[in-house]
Amino acid sequence: TKDGSDASQKLVDLIAGSKFAKHVQLLMFQGITLAGFNVIDVFHIHKELRVPVLIVARNLPDCESIKRALLTRITDGDKKWMIIEKLGQMEQTKNIYIQRVGMGFEEAVRVIERFAVHSNIPEPVRTAHLIAGAIEEGQSRGNP
């Protein structure tokens, strides 16, 4: 739901209900929000699915602007901000920024190095971005 609070549980339900669930070893997301400000509770996802979660971003987000928007304009924005705050600052790797739950920094860097083939962003995330852009707008809006 746009700006909702259902992304985390929907993801858990979709993944846990998939016939491929037992093969999932890692979840990667480009950013911590879906559909506007539907904040992904990576701690809930990690606890429920028992797999590491890796958040990647091309650039550092403007946390002050995000916090202000969540706290002044979004329903349950305070709860959403608490998730973001609990996750902590993004860590810089060579060319991107990451946040992680259930895995160490070095392991996260190895994953990125293994899957970042045609871009600084890992291919599974980049491909998902391209597909989502094609479905939503007929093409990607910019750098995946």
C-alpha atoms as a PDB file:
ATOM      1  CA  THR A   1       0.000   0.000   0.000  1.00  0.00           C
ATOM      2  CA  LYS A   2       1.329   3.462  -0.863  1.00  0.00           C
ATOM      3  CA  ASP A   3       2.764   4.985   2.334  1.00  0.00           C
ATOM      4  CA  GLY A   4       1.244   2.058   4.251  1.00  0.00           C
ATOM      5  CA  SER A   5       2.621  -0.322   6.853  1.00  0.00           C
ATOM      6  CA  ASP A   6       2.032  -3.659   5.175  1.00  0.00           C
ATOM      7  CA  ALA A   7       5.166  -4.189   3.050  1.00  0.00           C
ATOM      8  CA  SER A   8       7.073  -6.252   5.611  1.00  0.00           C
ATOM      9  CA  GLN A   9       4.326  -8.755   6.308  1.00  0.00           C
ATOM     10  CA  LYS A  10       3.369  -8.980   2.638  1.00  0.00           C
ATOM     11  CA  LEU A  11       6.980  -9.802   1.784  1.00  0.00           C
ATOM     12  CA  VAL A  12       7.166 -12.421   4.540  1.00  0.00           C
ATOM     13  CA  ASP A  13       3.912 -13.999   3.360  1.00  0.00           C
ATOM     14  CA  LEU A  14       4.950 -14.003  -0.307  1.00  0.00           C
ATOM     15  CA  ILE A  15       8.374 -15.477   0.356  1.00  0.00           C
ATOM     16  CA  ALA A  16       7.308 -17.988   3.019  1.00  0.00           C
ATOM     17  CA  GLY A  17       4.415 -19.109   0.816  1.00  0.00           C
ATOM     18  CA  SER A  18       6.589 -19.617  -2.240  1.00  0.00           C
ATOM     19  CA  LYS A  19       7.564 -23.093  -3.357  1.00  0.00           C
ATOM     20  CA  PHE A  20      11.118 -21.688  -3.477  1.00  0.00           C
ATOM     21  CA  ALA A  21      11.121 -20.494   0.156  1.00  0.00           C
ATOM     22  CA  LYS A  22      13.566 -23.139   1.354  1.00  0.00           C
ATOM     23  CA  HIS A  23      16.096 -21.957  -1.259  1.00  0.00           C
ATOM     24  CA  VAL A  24      16.107 -18.281  -0.223  1.00  0.00           C
ATOM     25  CA  GLN A  25      19.513 -17.434   1.235  1.00  0.00           C
ATOM     26  CA  LEU A  26      19.480 -13.625   1.188  1.00  0.00           C
ATOM     27  CA  LEU A  27      17.071 -10.771   0.536  1.00  0.00           C
ATOM     28  CA  MET A  28      18.368  -7.622  -1.154  1.00  0.00           C
ATOM     29  CA  PHE A  29      16.464  -4.370  -1.456  1.00  0.00           C
ATOM     30  CA  GLN A  30      17.290  -1.047  -3.065  1.00  0.00           C
ATOM     31  CA  GLY A  31      16.372   1.200  -0.162  1.00  0.00           C
ATOM     32  CA  ILE A  32      14.285   0.509   2.907  1.00  0.00           C
ATOM     33  CA  THR A  33      10.962   1.729   1.530  1.00  0.00           C
ATOM     34  CA  LEU A  34       8.483   0.445  -1.015  1.00  0.00           C
ATOM     35  CA  ALA A  35       5.502   2.318  -2.428  1.00  0.00           C
ATOM     36  CA  GLY A  36       6.479   5.721  -1.120  1.00  0.00           C
ATOM     37  CA  PHE A  37       6.976   5.476   2.631  1.00  0.00           C
ATOM     38  CA  ASN A  38       5.953   1.863   3.247  1.00  0.00           C
ATOM     39  CA  VAL A  39       9.027   1.146   5.383  1.00  0.00           C
ATOM     40  CA  ILE A  40      10.345  -2.404   5.278  1.00  0.00           C
ATOM     41  CA  ASP A  41      10.855  -3.733   8.798  1.00  0.00           C
ATOM     42  CA  VAL A  42      14.023  -5.666   8.022  1.00  0.00           C
ATOM     43  CA  PHE A  43      14.225  -6.920  11.598  1.00  0.00           C
ATOM     44  CA  HIS A  44      10.774  -8.530  11.329  1.00  0.00           C
ATOM     45  CA  ILE A  45      11.639 -10.048   7.944  1.00  0.00           C
ATOM     46  CA  HIS A  46      14.942 -11.420   9.240  1.00  0.00           C
ATOM     47  CA  LYS A  47      13.288 -12.882  12.330  1.00  0.00           C
ATOM     48  CA  GLU A  48      10.418 -14.490  10.418  1.00  0.00           C
ATOM     49  CA  LEU A  49      12.348 -15.850   7.433  1.00  0.00           C
ATOM     50  CA  ARG A  50      15.697 -16.455   9.136  1.00  0.00           C
ATOM     51  CA  VAL A  51      17.721 -15.087   6.215  1.00  0.00           C
ATOM     52  CA  PRO A  52      20.037 -12.084   6.049  1.00  0.00           C
ATOM     53  CA  VAL A  53      18.670  -8.831   4.641  1.00  0.00           C
ATOM     54  CA  LEU A  54      20.862  -6.423   2.673  1.00  0.00           C
ATOM     55  CA  ILE A  55      19.784  -2.891   1.776  1.00  0.00           C
ATOM     56  CA  VAL A  56      21.744  -1.161  -0.995  1.00  0.00           C
ATOM     57  CA  ALA A  57      21.670   2.441  -2.173  1.00  0.00           C
ATOM     58  CA  ARG A  58      23.577   4.283  -4.852  1.00  0.00           C
ATOM     59  CA  ASN A  59      23.651   7.479  -2.745  1.00  0.00           C
ATOM     60  CA  LEU A  60      23.281   8.352   0.914  1.00  0.00           C
ATOM     61  CA  PRO A  61      19.671   9.239   1.658  1.00  0.00           C
ATOM     62  CA  ASP A  62      18.793  12.616   3.163  1.00  0.00           C
ATOM     63  CA  CYS A  63      17.827  11.237   6.567  1.00  0.00           C
ATOM     64  CA  GLU A  64      16.709  14.581   7.973  1.00  0.00           C
ATOM     65  CA  SER A  65      14.237  15.094   5.130  1.00  0.00           C
ATOM     66  CA  ILE A  66      12.994  11.526   5.479  1.00  0.00           C
ATOM     67  CA  LYS A  67      12.545  11.929   9.226  1.00  0.00           C
ATOM     68  CA  ARG A  68      10.705  15.238   8.797  1.00  0.00           C
ATOM     69  CA  ALA A  69       8.369  13.764   6.174  1.00  0.00           C
ATOM     70  CA  LEU A  70       7.651  10.657   8.223  1.00  0.00           C
ATOM     71  CA  LEU A  71       6.982  12.545  11.436  1.00  0.00           C
ATOM     72  CA  THR A  72       4.847  15.298   9.920  1.00  0.00           C
ATOM     73  CA  ARG A  73       3.041  13.761   6.946  1.00  0.00           C
ATOM     74  CA  ILE A  74       2.823   9.978   7.208  1.00  0.00           C
ATOM     75  CA  THR A  75       0.474   7.901   9.341  1.00  0.00           C
ATOM     76  CA  ASP A  76       2.502   5.919  11.901  1.00  0.00           C
ATOM     77  CA  GLY A  77       5.553   7.823  10.723  1.00  0.00           C
ATOM     78  CA  ASP A  78       7.062   7.682  14.207  1.00  0.00           C
ATOM     79  CA  LYS A  79       7.022   3.865  14.137  1.00  0.00           C
ATOM     80  CA  LYS A  80       8.519   3.854  10.657  1.00  0.00           C
ATOM     81  CA  TRP A  81      11.251   6.271  11.702  1.00  0.00           C
ATOM     82  CA  MET A  82      12.081   4.017  14.674  1.00  0.00           C
ATOM     83  CA  ILE A  83      12.791   1.140  12.262  1.00  0.00           C
ATOM     84  CA  ILE A  84      15.078   3.327  10.153  1.00  0.00           C
ATOM     85  CA  GLU A  85      16.799   4.685  13.232  1.00  0.00           C
ATOM     86  CA  LYS A  86      17.271   1.197  14.703  1.00  0.00           C
ATOM     87  CA  LEU A  87      18.927   0.040  11.480  1.00  0.00           C
ATOM     88  CA  GLY A  88      21.502   2.800  11.856  1.00  0.00           C
ATOM     89  CA  GLN A  89      23.639   4.742   9.436  1.00  0.00           C
ATOM     90  CA  MET A  90      24.391   3.344   6.016  1.00  0.00           C
ATOM     91  CA  GLU A  91      27.900   1.973   5.612  1.00  0.00           C
ATOM     92  CA  GLN A  92      29.959   2.876   2.570  1.00  0.00           C
ATOM     93  CA  THR A  93      31.500   0.149   0.464  1.00  0.00           C
ATOM     94  CA  LYS A  94      33.586   0.967  -2.610  1.00  0.00           C
ATOM     95  CA  ASN A  95      30.810   2.497  -4.694  1.00  0.00           C
ATOM     96  CA  ILE A  96      27.525   2.125  -2.824  1.00  0.00           C
ATOM     97  CA  TYR A  97      26.025   2.322   0.634  1.00  0.00           C
ATOM     98  CA  ILE A  98      24.582  -0.600   2.570  1.00  0.00           C
ATOM     99  CA  GLN A  99      22.622  -1.542   5.651  1.00  0.00           C
ATOM    100  CA  ARG A 100      22.414  -5.128   6.792  1.00  0.00           C
ATOM    101  CA  VAL A 101      20.739  -7.462   9.241  1.00  0.00           C
ATOM    102  CA  GLY A 102      21.933 -10.999   9.893  1.00  0.00           C
ATOM    103  CA  MET A 103      25.277 -10.692   8.117  1.00  0.00           C
ATOM    104  CA  GLY A 104      28.656  -9.084   8.705  1.00  0.00           C
ATOM    105  CA  PHE A 105      30.085  -6.186   6.748  1.00  0.00           C
ATOM    106  CA  GLU A 106      32.731  -8.289   4.977  1.00  0.00           C
ATOM    107  CA  GLU A 107      30.150 -10.868   3.925  1.00  0.00           C
ATOM    108  CA  ALA A 108      27.923  -8.090   2.565  1.00  0.00           C
ATOM    109  CA  VAL A 109      30.843  -6.669   0.572  1.00  0.00           C
ATOM    110  CA  ARG A 110      31.567 -10.126  -0.896  1.00  0.00           C
ATOM    111  CA  VAL A 111      27.909 -10.459  -1.951  1.00  0.00           C
ATOM    112  CA  ILE A 112      27.992  -7.067  -3.636  1.00  0.00           C
ATOM    113  CA  GLU A 113      31.280  -7.829  -5.404  1.00  0.00           C
ATOM    114  CA  ARG A 114      29.903 -11.145  -6.627  1.00  0.00           C
ATOM    115  CA  PHE A 115      26.613  -9.772  -7.943  1.00  0.00           C
ATOM    116  CA  ALA A 116      27.556  -6.263  -9.141  1.00  0.00           C
ATOM    117  CA  VAL A 117      28.402  -7.214 -12.720  1.00  0.00           C
ATOM    118  CA  HIS A 118      27.226  -4.364 -14.975  1.00  0.00           C
ATOM    119  CA  SER A 119      26.744  -1.688 -12.341  1.00  0.00           C
ATOM    120  CA  ASN A 120      27.659  -0.775  -8.773  1.00  0.00           C
ATOM    121  CA  ILE A 121      24.239  -2.125  -7.764  1.00  0.00           C
ATOM    122  CA  PRO A 122      23.962  -5.943  -7.519  1.00  0.00           C
ATOM    123  CA  GLU A 123      22.325  -7.470 -10.608  1.00  0.00           C
ATOM    124  CA  PRO A 124      19.283  -8.967  -8.809  1.00  0.00           C
ATOM    125  CA  VAL A 125      18.383  -5.521  -7.424  1.00  0.00           C
ATOM    126  CA  ARG A 126      19.193  -3.732 -10.687  1.00  0.00           C
ATOM    127  CA  THR A 127      17.113  -6.208 -12.693  1.00  0.00           C
ATOM    128  CA  ALA A 128      14.174  -5.929 -10.281  1.00  0.00           C
ATOM    129  CA  HIS A 129      14.346  -2.134 -10.644  1.00  0.00           C
ATOM    130  CA  LEU A 130      14.308  -2.381 -14.446  1.00  0.00           C
ATOM    131  CA  ILE A 131      11.373  -4.803 -14.437  1.00  0.00           C
ATOM    132  CA  ALA A 132       9.373  -2.700 -11.968  1.00  0.00           C
ATOM    133  CA  GLY A 133      10.026   0.427 -14.048  1.00  0.00           C
ATOM    134  CA  ALA A 134       8.922  -1.355 -17.196  1.00  0.00           C
ATOM    135  CA  ILE A 135       5.727  -2.575 -15.567  1.00  0.00           C
ATOM    136  CA  GLU A 136       4.880   0.765 -13.971  1.00  0.00           C
ATOM    137  CA  GLU A 137       6.026   3.273 -16.592  1.00  0.00           C
ATOM    138  CA  GLY A 138       7.065   1.327 -19.656  1.00  0.00           C
ATOM    139  CA  GLN A 139      10.745   1.991 -18.909  1.00  0.00           C
ATOM    140  CA  SER A 140      13.218   2.690 -16.112  1.00  0.00           C
ATOM    141  CA  ARG A 141      13.303   6.320 -14.910  1.00  0.00           C
ATOM    142  CA  GLY A 142      17.067   6.484 -14.534  1.00  0.00           C
ATOM    143  CA  ASN A 143      20.032   4.787 -12.943  1.00  0.00           C
ATOM    144  CA  PRO A 144      18.996   1.437 -11.480  1.00  0.00           C
END
